């Protein structure tokens, strides 16, 4: 993984191959969704590498032992509409995750991001300091939407 100014770029060969296949002009919409789901799962694994865990006692068929579980609440925030394609892949990893939405589009005159929908401002979307928020946006050309979110 490569890091620059707080942004981490995945350089793993599997991820790079998936990205290449997403970008092909011959990729059908069905293939695109399938590849994006796989890539999103991969991104989720990389993004959660340093998530805090808590030790718990569990009972296996053989004995009692100690296991681990992710401690904080995970919140997925897809930037509409492109980020929606990433939700399923991440829900495979974090089935209990909350999913909130934010809508950002580009002003065609100024080319600046404009927020048109924000589900984060409601009282039911209250974050705690322990929550981990993953902002989902596969369309990172200029990163304007992600910065706005």
Protein backbone atom coordinates (compact mmCIF):
# COMPACT_ATOMS: atom_id res chain seq x y z
CA UNK A 1 0.00 0.00 0.00
CA UNK A 2 1.26 3.48 -0.84
CA UNK A 3 0.45 6.49 1.37
CA UNK A 4 0.37 10.21 0.55
CA UNK A 5 -1.21 13.03 2.59
CA UNK A 6 -3.50 10.70 4.54
CA UNK A 7 -4.69 8.84 1.43
CA UNK A 8 -3.72 5.21 1.03
CA UNK A 9 -3.47 3.71 -2.44
CA UNK A 10 -3.66 -0.06 -2.76
CA UNK A 11 -0.78 -1.37 -4.86
CA UNK A 12 -1.50 -5.08 -4.42
CA UNK A 13 -1.32 -6.95 -7.76
CA UNK A 14 -4.81 -8.46 -7.31
CA UNK A 15 -6.35 -5.02 -6.74
CA UNK A 16 -4.48 -3.55 -9.70
CA UNK A 17 -5.75 -6.36 -11.92
CA UNK A 18 -9.33 -5.80 -10.75
CA UNK A 19 -9.03 -2.06 -11.40
CA UNK A 20 -7.69 -2.75 -14.90
CA UNK A 21 -10.69 -4.97 -15.64
CA UNK A 22 -13.09 -2.30 -14.32
CA UNK A 23 -11.61 0.24 -16.71
CA UNK A 24 -11.79 -1.87 -19.90
CA UNK A 25 -14.24 -0.64 -22.52
CA UNK A 26 -15.26 -4.27 -23.10
CA UNK A 27 -16.38 -4.84 -19.50
CA UNK A 28 -20.15 -5.36 -19.44
CA UNK A 29 -22.31 -3.74 -16.74
CA UNK A 30 -22.83 -7.17 -15.14
CA UNK A 31 -19.06 -7.83 -15.08
CA UNK A 32 -18.43 -4.31 -13.76
CA UNK A 33 -20.73 -4.86 -10.76
CA UNK A 34 -19.17 -8.25 -10.03
CA UNK A 35 -15.61 -6.88 -10.21
CA UNK A 36 -16.50 -3.80 -8.14
CA UNK A 37 -17.97 -6.04 -5.42
CA UNK A 38 -14.76 -8.12 -5.34
CA UNK A 39 -12.58 -5.02 -5.32
CA UNK A 40 -14.69 -3.45 -2.55
CA UNK A 41 -14.25 -6.54 -0.39
CA UNK A 42 -10.50 -6.34 -1.01
CA UNK A 43 -10.47 -2.62 -0.15
CA UNK A 44 -12.46 -3.37 3.02
CA UNK A 45 -9.91 -5.95 4.12
CA UNK A 46 -7.07 -3.48 3.57
CA UNK A 47 -8.96 -0.61 5.24
CA UNK A 48 -9.75 -2.69 8.32
CA UNK A 49 -6.20 -3.92 8.85
CA UNK A 50 -5.74 -1.70 11.91
CA UNK A 51 -9.28 -1.73 13.31
CA UNK A 52 -9.25 -2.15 17.09
CA UNK A 53 -10.41 -5.53 18.35
CA UNK A 54 -11.55 -6.84 21.68
CA UNK A 55 -10.83 -10.27 23.09
CA UNK A 56 -13.85 -12.41 23.92
CA UNK A 57 -14.37 -15.85 25.39
CA UNK A 58 -16.08 -18.34 23.09
CA UNK A 59 -17.02 -21.99 23.24
CA UNK A 60 -15.90 -24.20 20.38
CA UNK A 61 -16.99 -27.82 19.88
CA UNK A 62 -13.77 -28.85 21.63
CA UNK A 63 -13.19 -26.31 24.41
CA UNK A 64 -13.54 -22.76 25.61
CA UNK A 65 -11.03 -20.37 24.09
CA UNK A 66 -10.37 -16.73 23.43
CA UNK A 67 -11.37 -15.06 20.16
CA UNK A 68 -11.43 -11.57 18.71
CA UNK A 69 -14.12 -9.30 17.37
CA UNK A 70 -14.09 -5.82 15.90
CA UNK A 71 -14.76 -3.40 18.72
CA UNK A 72 -16.19 -0.25 17.11
CA UNK A 73 -19.33 0.24 15.09
CA UNK A 74 -18.60 0.40 11.37
CA UNK A 75 -20.48 3.00 9.33
CA UNK A 76 -20.47 2.85 5.52
CA UNK A 77 -21.14 6.15 3.75
CA UNK A 78 -21.45 5.72 0.00
CA UNK A 79 -21.28 8.91 -2.02
CA UNK A 80 -24.32 8.68 -4.30
CA UNK A 81 -24.54 7.09 -6.80
CA UNK A 82 -21.15 5.58 -7.61
CA UNK A 83 -20.42 4.60 -4.01
CA UNK A 84 -23.51 2.39 -3.86
CA UNK A 85 -21.69 -0.22 -5.93
CA UNK A 86 -19.20 -0.70 -3.11
CA UNK A 87 -21.73 -1.31 -0.33
CA UNK A 88 -22.42 -5.03 -0.97
CA UNK A 89 -18.74 -5.97 -0.96
CA UNK A 90 -18.22 -4.22 2.36
CA UNK A 91 -21.41 -5.60 3.90
CA UNK A 92 -19.94 -9.07 3.23
CA UNK A 93 -17.18 -8.13 5.69
CA UNK A 94 -19.23 -6.00 8.07
CA UNK A 95 -22.82 -7.34 7.99
CA UNK A 96 -23.81 -5.27 11.05
CA UNK A 97 -22.53 -2.01 9.55
CA UNK A 98 -24.81 0.99 9.39
CA UNK A 99 -25.23 2.47 5.91
CA UNK A 100 -25.75 6.23 5.63
CA UNK A 101 -25.71 8.26 2.42
CA UNK A 102 -24.37 11.52 1.09
CA UNK A 103 -24.97 12.95 -2.36
CA UNK A 104 -22.32 15.06 -4.05
CA UNK A 105 -22.19 16.12 -7.68
CA UNK A 106 -19.94 18.40 -9.68
CA UNK A 107 -21.11 21.88 -10.64
CA UNK A 108 -20.62 21.88 -14.42
CA UNK A 109 -19.68 25.58 -14.46
CA UNK A 110 -17.26 25.78 -11.53
CA UNK A 111 -16.27 22.09 -11.46
CA UNK A 112 -16.55 22.28 -7.66
CA UNK A 113 -18.34 19.55 -5.65
CA UNK A 114 -21.88 20.42 -4.55
CA UNK A 115 -23.72 18.53 -1.81
CA UNK A 116 -27.33 17.73 -2.74
CA UNK A 117 -28.22 15.08 -0.13
CA UNK A 118 -26.90 14.48 3.36
CA UNK A 119 -28.28 11.65 5.51
CA UNK A 120 -25.54 12.35 8.06
CA UNK A 121 -27.21 15.41 9.49
CA UNK A 122 -30.17 13.58 11.03
CA UNK A 123 -30.37 12.63 14.69
CA UNK A 124 -30.48 8.90 13.87
CA UNK A 125 -27.01 9.25 12.37
CA UNK A 126 -25.14 10.19 15.52
CA UNK A 127 -21.48 9.19 15.54
CA UNK A 128 -19.41 8.35 18.57
CA UNK A 129 -15.65 8.74 18.88
CA UNK A 130 -15.26 4.97 18.62
CA UNK A 131 -17.16 4.62 15.33
CA UNK A 132 -15.20 3.90 12.19
CA UNK A 133 -16.57 5.59 9.09
CA UNK A 134 -15.68 4.36 5.62
CA UNK A 135 -16.56 6.86 2.89
CA UNK A 136 -17.19 4.93 -0.33
CA UNK A 137 -16.46 6.55 -3.68
CA UNK A 138 -14.90 4.55 -6.52
CA UNK A 139 -14.87 7.61 -8.80
CA UNK A 140 -11.78 9.27 -7.40
CA UNK A 141 -10.64 11.36 -10.38
CA UNK A 142 -9.99 14.61 -8.53
CA UNK A 143 -11.13 13.49 -5.06
CA UNK A 144 -13.45 16.52 -4.88
CA UNK A 145 -16.47 14.46 -3.79
CA UNK A 146 -14.52 12.68 -1.08
CA UNK A 147 -13.09 15.92 0.25
CA UNK A 148 -16.55 17.50 0.26
CA UNK A 149 -18.01 14.50 2.13
